[in-house]
C-alpha atoms as a PDB file:
ATOM      1  CA  MET A   1     -35.066 -20.629 -23.083  1.00  0.00           C
ATOM      2  CA  HIS A   2     -32.762 -19.674 -20.235  1.00  0.00           C
ATOM      3  CA  SER A   3     -29.833 -22.050 -20.838  1.00  0.00           C
ATOM      4  CA  LYS A   4     -27.500 -19.269 -21.991  1.00  0.00           C
ATOM      5  CA  PRO A   5     -27.815 -17.150 -18.799  1.00  0.00           C
ATOM      6  CA  VAL A   6     -27.454 -20.269 -16.644  1.00  0.00           C
ATOM      7  CA  LEU A   7     -24.269 -21.487 -18.347  1.00  0.00           C
ATOM      8  CA  PRO A   8     -21.905 -18.882 -16.795  1.00  0.00           C
ATOM      9  CA  VAL A   9     -23.224 -19.761 -13.332  1.00  0.00           C
ATOM     10  CA  LEU A  10     -22.523 -23.431 -14.014  1.00  0.00           C
ATOM     11  CA  TRP A  11     -18.932 -22.634 -14.974  1.00  0.00           C
ATOM     12  CA  ALA A  12     -18.588 -20.373 -11.928  1.00  0.00           C
ATOM     13  CA  SER A  13     -19.814 -23.172  -9.660  1.00  0.00           C
ATOM     14  CA  LEU A  14     -17.385 -25.628 -11.244  1.00  0.00           C
ATOM     15  CA  ALA A  15     -14.552 -23.123 -10.756  1.00  0.00           C
ATOM     16  CA  ILE A  16     -15.360 -22.825  -7.052  1.00  0.00           C
ATOM     17  CA  LEU A  17     -15.433 -26.604  -6.742  1.00  0.00           C
ATOM     18  CA  ALA A  18     -12.063 -26.820  -8.512  1.00  0.00           C
ATOM     19  CA  VAL A  19     -10.581 -24.275  -6.098  1.00  0.00           C
ATOM     20  CA  ALA A  20     -12.013 -26.230  -3.165  1.00  0.00           C
ATOM     21  CA  GLY A  21     -10.498 -29.425  -4.571  1.00  0.00           C
ATOM     22  CA  LEU A  22      -7.093 -27.801  -4.895  1.00  0.00           C
ATOM     23  CA  GLY A  23      -7.462 -26.523  -1.355  1.00  0.00           C
ATOM     24  CA  ALA A  24      -8.191 -30.054  -0.160  1.00  0.00           C
ATOM     25  CA  TYR A  25      -4.983 -31.204  -1.846  1.00  0.00           C
ATOM     26  CA  PHE A  26      -2.975 -28.540  -0.026  1.00  0.00           C
ATOM     27  CA  HIS A  27      -4.610 -29.401   3.279  1.00  0.00           C
ATOM     28  CA  PHE A  28      -4.458 -33.194   3.161  1.00  0.00           C
ATOM     29  CA  VAL A  29      -1.558 -34.024   0.802  1.00  0.00           C
ATOM     30  CA  GLN A  30       1.070 -31.292   0.790  1.00  0.00           C
ATOM     31  CA  SER A  31       0.879 -27.560   1.415  1.00  0.00           C
ATOM     32  CA  GLY A  32       4.164 -26.566  -0.179  1.00  0.00           C
ATOM     33  CA  PRO A  33       4.659 -24.906  -3.563  1.00  0.00           C
ATOM     34  CA  LEU A  34       3.760 -26.627  -6.813  1.00  0.00           C
ATOM     35  CA  PRO A  35       6.438 -26.826  -9.541  1.00  0.00           C
ATOM     36  CA  LEU A  36       4.804 -23.909 -11.351  1.00  0.00           C
ATOM     37  CA  ASP A  37       4.773 -21.932  -8.099  1.00  0.00           C
ATOM     38  CA  ASN A  38       8.543 -22.336  -7.806  1.00  0.00           C
ATOM     39  CA  SER A  39       9.176 -21.376 -11.421  1.00  0.00           C
ATOM     40  CA  TRP A  40       7.002 -18.272 -11.221  1.00  0.00           C
ATOM     41  CA  ARG A  41       8.451 -17.243  -7.848  1.00  0.00           C
ATOM     42  CA  GLU A  42      11.940 -17.066  -9.278  1.00  0.00           C
ATOM     43  CA  ALA A  43      10.770 -15.099 -12.323  1.00  0.00           C
ATOM     44  CA  ALA A  44       8.566 -12.600 -10.458  1.00  0.00           C
ATOM     45  CA  ARG A  45      10.579 -11.961  -7.294  1.00  0.00           C
ATOM     46  CA  LEU A  46      11.528  -8.312  -6.729  1.00  0.00           C
ATOM     47  CA  SER A  47      14.362  -6.513  -4.988  1.00  0.00           C
ATOM     48  CA  PRO A  48      13.225  -4.408  -1.999  1.00  0.00           C
ATOM     49  CA  GLY A  49      13.576  -0.701  -2.748  1.00  0.00           C
ATOM     50  CA  SER A  50      13.181  -1.040  -6.513  1.00  0.00           C
ATOM     51  CA  VAL A  51      10.528   0.861  -8.471  1.00  0.00           C
ATOM     52  CA  SER A  52       8.679  -2.376  -9.199  1.00  0.00           C
ATOM     53  CA  PHE A  53       8.687  -3.230  -5.506  1.00  0.00           C
ATOM     54  CA  THR A  54       7.168   0.178  -4.695  1.00  0.00           C
ATOM     55  CA  VAL A  55       4.433  -0.366  -7.282  1.00  0.00           C
ATOM     56  CA  ALA A  56       3.681  -3.836  -5.915  1.00  0.00           C
ATOM     57  CA  ALA A  57       3.573  -2.518  -2.346  1.00  0.00           C
ATOM     58  CA  PHE A  58       1.215   0.284  -3.393  1.00  0.00           C
ATOM     59  CA  MET A  59      -1.100  -2.263  -5.004  1.00  0.00           C
ATOM     60  CA  ALA A  60      -0.964  -4.351  -1.843  1.00  0.00           C
ATOM     61  CA  GLU A  61      -2.292  -1.397   0.128  1.00  0.00           C
ATOM     62  CA  ILE A  62      -5.084  -0.341  -2.211  1.00  0.00           C
ATOM     63  CA  GLY A  63      -6.016  -3.977  -2.789  1.00  0.00           C
ATOM     64  CA  SER A  64      -6.451  -4.689   0.917  1.00  0.00           C
ATOM     65  CA  GLY A  65      -9.840  -5.454   2.417  1.00  0.00           C
ATOM     66  CA  VAL A  66     -10.278  -1.823   3.448  1.00  0.00           C
ATOM     67  CA  GLY A  67      -9.265  -0.572   0.007  1.00  0.00           C
ATOM     68  CA  VAL A  68     -11.607  -2.887  -1.859  1.00  0.00           C
ATOM     69  CA  ALA A  69     -14.470  -2.086   0.520  1.00  0.00           C
ATOM     70  CA  ALA A  70     -13.916   1.645   0.023  1.00  0.00           C
ATOM     71  CA  CYS A  71     -13.793   1.322  -3.779  1.00  0.00           C
ATOM     72  CA  GLY A  72     -16.865  -0.898  -3.728  1.00  0.00           C
ATOM     73  CA  ALA A  73     -18.772   1.581  -1.550  1.00  0.00           C
ATOM     74  CA  VAL A  74     -17.925   4.469  -3.890  1.00  0.00           C
ATOM     75  CA  ALA A  75     -18.940   2.435  -6.951  1.00  0.00           C
ATOM     76  CA  CYS A  76     -22.231   1.404  -5.331  1.00  0.00           C
ATOM     77  CA  ALA A  77     -22.941   5.003  -4.350  1.00  0.00           C
ATOM     78  CA  LEU A  78     -22.365   6.204  -7.914  1.00  0.00           C
ATOM     79  CA  LEU A  79     -24.629   3.492  -9.307  1.00  0.00           C
ATOM     80  CA  LEU A  80     -27.340   4.327  -6.783  1.00  0.00           C
ATOM     81  CA  THR A  81     -27.245   8.021  -7.647  1.00  0.00           C
ATOM     82  CA  ARG A  82     -27.980   7.012 -11.245  1.00  0.00           C
ATOM     83  CA  ARG A  83     -30.740   4.677 -10.012  1.00  0.00           C
ATOM     84  CA  PHE A  84     -29.001   1.520 -11.207  1.00  0.00           C
ATOM     85  CA  LEU A  85     -30.162  -0.405  -8.148  1.00  0.00           C
ATOM     86  CA  ARG A  86     -29.636  -3.940  -9.387  1.00  0.00           C
ATOM     87  CA  GLU A  87     -26.108  -3.159 -10.576  1.00  0.00           C
ATOM     88  CA  ALA A  88     -25.219  -1.751  -7.152  1.00  0.00           C
ATOM     89  CA  ALA A  89     -26.787  -4.730  -5.403  1.00  0.00           C
ATOM     90  CA  ALA A  90     -24.926  -7.175  -7.649  1.00  0.00           C
ATOM     91  CA  LEU A  91     -21.607  -5.479  -6.927  1.00  0.00           C
ATOM     92  CA  ALA A  92     -22.163  -5.544  -3.173  1.00  0.00           C
ATOM     93  CA  THR A  93     -23.308  -9.164  -3.316  1.00  0.00           C
ATOM     94  CA  ALA A  94     -20.228 -10.195  -5.314  1.00  0.00           C
ATOM     95  CA  LEU A  95     -17.871  -8.661  -2.763  1.00  0.00           C
ATOM     96  CA  LEU A  96     -19.684 -10.187   0.210  1.00  0.00           C
ATOM     97  CA  LEU A  97     -19.905 -13.613  -1.426  1.00  0.00           C
ATOM     98  CA  GLY A  98     -16.256 -13.458  -2.475  1.00  0.00           C
ATOM     99  CA  VAL A  99     -15.118 -12.602   1.042  1.00  0.00           C
ATOM    100  CA  ALA A 100     -17.253 -15.375   2.539  1.00  0.00           C
ATOM    101  CA  LEU A 101     -15.863 -17.989   0.148  1.00  0.00           C
ATOM    102  CA  SER A 102     -12.284 -16.785   0.436  1.00  0.00           C
ATOM    103  CA  GLU A 103     -12.206 -16.571   4.216  1.00  0.00           C
ATOM    104  CA  THR A 104     -13.892 -19.962   4.596  1.00  0.00           C
ATOM    105  CA  LEU A 105     -11.316 -21.580   2.320  1.00  0.00           C
ATOM    106  CA  LYS A 106      -8.457 -19.830   4.125  1.00  0.00           C
ATOM    107  CA  TYR A 107      -9.677 -21.208   7.443  1.00  0.00           C
ATOM    108  CA  LEU A 108     -10.258 -24.749   6.189  1.00  0.00           C
ATOM    109  CA  VAL A 109      -7.130 -25.106   4.031  1.00  0.00           C
ATOM    110  CA  ALA A 110      -4.724 -23.250   6.349  1.00  0.00           C
ATOM    111  CA  ARG A 111      -1.895 -23.235   3.804  1.00  0.00           C
ATOM    112  CA  PRO A 112       1.274 -21.628   5.210  1.00  0.00           C
ATOM    113  CA  ARG A 113       2.617 -18.504   3.535  1.00  0.00           C
ATOM    114  CA  PRO A 114       5.862 -18.617   1.541  1.00  0.00           C
ATOM    115  CA  MET A 115       8.884 -18.483   3.819  1.00  0.00           C
ATOM    116  CA  GLU A 116      10.578 -15.595   2.006  1.00  0.00           C
ATOM    117  CA  ALA A 117       7.742 -13.017   2.098  1.00  0.00           C
ATOM    118  CA  LEU A 118       8.966  -9.471   1.444  1.00  0.00           C
ATOM    119  CA  TYR A 119       5.900  -7.664   2.776  1.00  0.00           C
ATOM    120  CA  PRO A 120       3.680  -7.894   5.855  1.00  0.00           C
ATOM    121  CA  TRP A 121       0.850 -10.404   5.627  1.00  0.00           C
ATOM    122  CA  ASP A 122      -2.003 -11.712   7.721  1.00  0.00           C
ATOM    123  CA  GLY A 123      -3.746 -15.075   7.722  1.00  0.00           C
ATOM    124  CA  SER A 124      -3.104 -18.188   5.677  1.00  0.00           C
ATOM    125  CA  SER A 125      -2.069 -18.300   2.045  1.00  0.00           C
ATOM    126  CA  PHE A 126      -4.798 -20.076   0.051  1.00  0.00           C
ATOM    127  CA  PRO A 127      -6.566 -18.437  -1.701  1.00  0.00           C
ATOM    128  CA  SER A 128      -5.255 -14.896  -2.183  1.00  0.00           C
ATOM    129  CA  GLY A 129      -7.770 -12.441  -0.728  1.00  0.00           C
ATOM    130  CA  HIS A 130      -6.244  -9.534  -2.658  1.00  0.00           C
ATOM    131  CA  SER A 131      -6.633 -11.397  -5.966  1.00  0.00           C
ATOM    132  CA  MET A 132     -10.187 -12.366  -5.052  1.00  0.00           C
ATOM    133  CA  GLY A 133     -11.116  -8.796  -4.179  1.00  0.00           C
ATOM    134  CA  ALA A 134      -9.540  -7.380  -7.329  1.00  0.00           C
ATOM    135  CA  ALA A 135     -11.356  -9.869  -9.557  1.00  0.00           C
ATOM    136  CA  ALA A 136     -14.733  -9.575  -7.819  1.00  0.00           C
ATOM    137  CA  LEU A 137     -14.668  -5.773  -7.883  1.00  0.00           C
ATOM    138  CA  ALA A 138     -13.258  -5.396 -11.398  1.00  0.00           C
ATOM    139  CA  VAL A 139     -15.578  -7.944 -13.027  1.00  0.00           C
ATOM    140  CA  SER A 140     -18.603  -6.585 -11.155  1.00  0.00           C
ATOM    141  CA  LEU A 141     -17.790  -3.064 -12.365  1.00  0.00           C
ATOM    142  CA  ALA A 142     -17.402  -4.352 -15.925  1.00  0.00           C
ATOM    143  CA  TYR A 143     -20.759  -6.110 -15.652  1.00  0.00           C
ATOM    144  CA  ALA A 144     -22.312  -2.912 -14.277  1.00  0.00           C
ATOM    145  CA  VAL A 145     -21.013  -0.788 -17.146  1.00  0.00           C
ATOM    146  CA  SER A 146     -22.243  -3.404 -19.630  1.00  0.00           C
ATOM    147  CA  SER A 147     -25.702  -3.334 -18.032  1.00  0.00           C
ATOM    148  CA  VAL A 148     -25.806   0.455 -18.120  1.00  0.00           C
ATOM    149  CA  TYR A 149     -24.910   0.357 -21.813  1.00  0.00           C
ATOM    150  CA  GLU A 150     -27.570  -2.262 -22.519  1.00  0.00           C
ATOM    151  CA  SER A 151     -30.151  -0.098 -20.748  1.00  0.00           C
ATOM    152  CA  GLY A 152     -29.693   2.527 -23.454  1.00  0.00           C
ATOM    153  CA  ALA A 153     -27.770   5.099 -21.413  1.00  0.00           C
ATOM    154  CA  THR A 154     -26.181   7.590 -23.805  1.00  0.00           C
ATOM    155  CA  PHE A 155     -23.204   8.348 -21.559  1.00  0.00           C
ATOM    156  CA  VAL A 156     -21.784   4.832 -22.013  1.00  0.00           C
ATOM    157  CA  THR A 157     -20.488   3.793 -25.427  1.00  0.00           C
ATOM    158  CA  LYS A 158     -19.753   0.381 -26.868  1.00  0.00           C
ATOM    159  CA  SER A 159     -16.017   1.118 -26.900  1.00  0.00           C
ATOM    160  CA  SER A 160     -16.080   2.085 -23.216  1.00  0.00           C
ATOM    161  CA  VAL A 161     -17.628  -1.303 -22.415  1.00  0.00           C
ATOM    162  CA  ALA A 162     -14.777  -3.043 -24.237  1.00  0.00           C
ATOM    163  CA  TRP A 163     -12.186  -0.944 -22.419  1.00  0.00           C
ATOM    164  CA  ILE A 164     -13.675  -1.585 -18.983  1.00  0.00           C
ATOM    165  CA  TRP A 165     -13.445  -5.331 -19.590  1.00  0.00           C
ATOM    166  CA  ILE A 166      -9.824  -4.984 -20.713  1.00  0.00           C
ATOM    167  CA  ALA A 167      -9.124  -2.910 -17.598  1.00  0.00           C
ATOM    168  CA  ALA A 168     -10.824  -5.526 -15.399  1.00  0.00           C
ATOM    169  CA  VAL A 169      -8.580  -8.284 -16.737  1.00  0.00           C
ATOM    170  CA  ALA A 170      -5.472  -6.106 -16.518  1.00  0.00           C
ATOM    171  CA  TRP A 171      -6.175  -5.034 -12.930  1.00  0.00           C
ATOM    172  CA  THR A 172      -6.766  -8.598 -11.778  1.00  0.00           C
ATOM    173  CA  LEU A 173      -3.574  -9.845 -13.420  1.00  0.00           C
ATOM    174  CA  ALA A 174      -1.615  -6.916 -11.974  1.00  0.00           C
ATOM    175  CA  MET A 175      -2.855  -7.722  -8.474  1.00  0.00           C
ATOM    176  CA  MET A 176      -1.905 -11.360  -8.920  1.00  0.00           C
ATOM    177  CA  TRP A 177       1.575 -10.284 -10.001  1.00  0.00           C
ATOM    178  CA  SER A 178       1.868  -7.965  -7.007  1.00  0.00           C
ATOM    179  CA  ARG A 179       1.081 -10.699  -4.481  1.00  0.00           C
ATOM    180  CA  THR A 180       3.550 -13.161  -5.962  1.00  0.00           C
ATOM    181  CA  ALA A 181       6.251 -10.543  -6.585  1.00  0.00           C
ATOM    182  CA  LEU A 182       6.113  -9.540  -2.920  1.00  0.00           C
ATOM    183  CA  GLY A 183       6.508 -13.188  -1.972  1.00  0.00           C
ATOM    184  CA  VAL A 184       3.375 -13.256   0.190  1.00  0.00           C
ATOM    185  CA  HIS A 185       1.514 -15.747  -2.024  1.00  0.00           C
ATOM    186  CA  TYR A 186       2.224 -18.611  -4.379  1.00  0.00           C
ATOM    187  CA  LEU A 187       0.971 -18.331  -7.956  1.00  0.00           C
ATOM    188  CA  SER A 188      -1.583 -21.058  -7.229  1.00  0.00           C
ATOM    189  CA  ASP A 189      -2.981 -18.910  -4.403  1.00  0.00           C
ATOM    190  CA  THR A 190      -3.552 -15.960  -6.722  1.00  0.00           C
ATOM    191  CA  VAL A 191      -5.098 -18.047  -9.501  1.00  0.00           C
ATOM    192  CA  ALA A 192      -7.492 -19.584  -6.974  1.00  0.00           C
ATOM    193  CA  GLY A 193      -8.322 -16.173  -5.535  1.00  0.00           C
ATOM    194  CA  ALA A 194      -9.038 -14.707  -8.958  1.00  0.00           C
ATOM    195  CA  LEU A 195     -11.287 -17.653  -9.844  1.00  0.00           C
ATOM    196  CA  VAL A 196     -13.257 -17.191  -6.628  1.00  0.00           C
ATOM    197  CA  GLY A 197     -13.640 -13.459  -7.294  1.00  0.00           C
ATOM    198  CA  VAL A 198     -14.785 -13.905 -10.891  1.00  0.00           C
ATOM    199  CA  SER A 199     -17.166 -16.682  -9.861  1.00  0.00           C
ATOM    200  CA  ALA A 200     -18.663 -14.516  -7.119  1.00  0.00           C
ATOM    201  CA  ALA A 201     -19.262 -11.722  -9.638  1.00  0.00           C
ATOM    202  CA  VAL A 202     -20.898 -14.109 -12.122  1.00  0.00           C
ATOM    203  CA  ILE A 203     -23.190 -15.621  -9.496  1.00  0.00           C
ATOM    204  CA  ALA A 204     -24.135 -12.210  -8.081  1.00  0.00           C
ATOM    205  CA  ARG A 205     -25.049 -10.951 -11.535  1.00  0.00           C
ATOM    206  CA  ARG A 206     -27.280 -13.959 -12.083  1.00  0.00           C
ATOM    207  CA  VAL A 207     -29.012 -13.378  -8.737  1.00  0.00           C
ATOM    208  CA  TRP A 208     -29.859  -9.751  -9.539  1.00  0.00           C
ATOM    209  CA  HIS A 209     -30.354  -9.991 -13.316  1.00  0.00           C
ATOM    210  CA  ARG A 210     -32.667 -12.911 -13.825  1.00  0.00           C
ATOM    211  CA  PRO A 211     -34.219 -13.177 -17.317  1.00  0.00           C
ATOM    212  CA  PRO A 212     -37.948 -12.448 -17.472  1.00  0.00           C
ATOM    213  CA  THR A 213     -40.226 -15.469 -17.112  1.00  0.00           C
ATOM    214  CA  ARG A 214     -42.612 -16.344 -19.937  1.00  0.00           C
END
């Protein structure tokens, strides 16, 4: 029975549909901030020149399209040197799929950026490309480490698998904070971006790790 492996893909597909539905709301009804966006914006906003602002700006740079592509290329190269071909292919597929979904939604929704952005930005606001990239890369890496562990590799331990998943969640949340703290995205943008990134990673894993047929 293959219902268990299919279930995550079903949830991923529903998540993408939910993001698309929210995007339709922003495009056709109102593109401004939601009540939760306003509440979070006031709580997360930073003062330019502060240590927190510097950290957020640093994350904005390494989480850019170039940064994510570079990290993804290095990760794929390391996996290929160890002959983990499917893991490398799944990671690359997740990033490409995530970018395709994110950029398509950005173009169709065309949600304006927040007026009080504290950092340079490019393109429309929904969904957050940085949050998507962080989630797609982090979750794909966590999946890759899990697969390596399941293959019986002695250099990966069970505790390291748990820690990589914790790190994946932490990195994604940190990137979401960075984008909202810099005022370049609403909270709803970052949540949507993270959902797209996670969904892309789940779907890519399913594509390259199909269960054996009987």
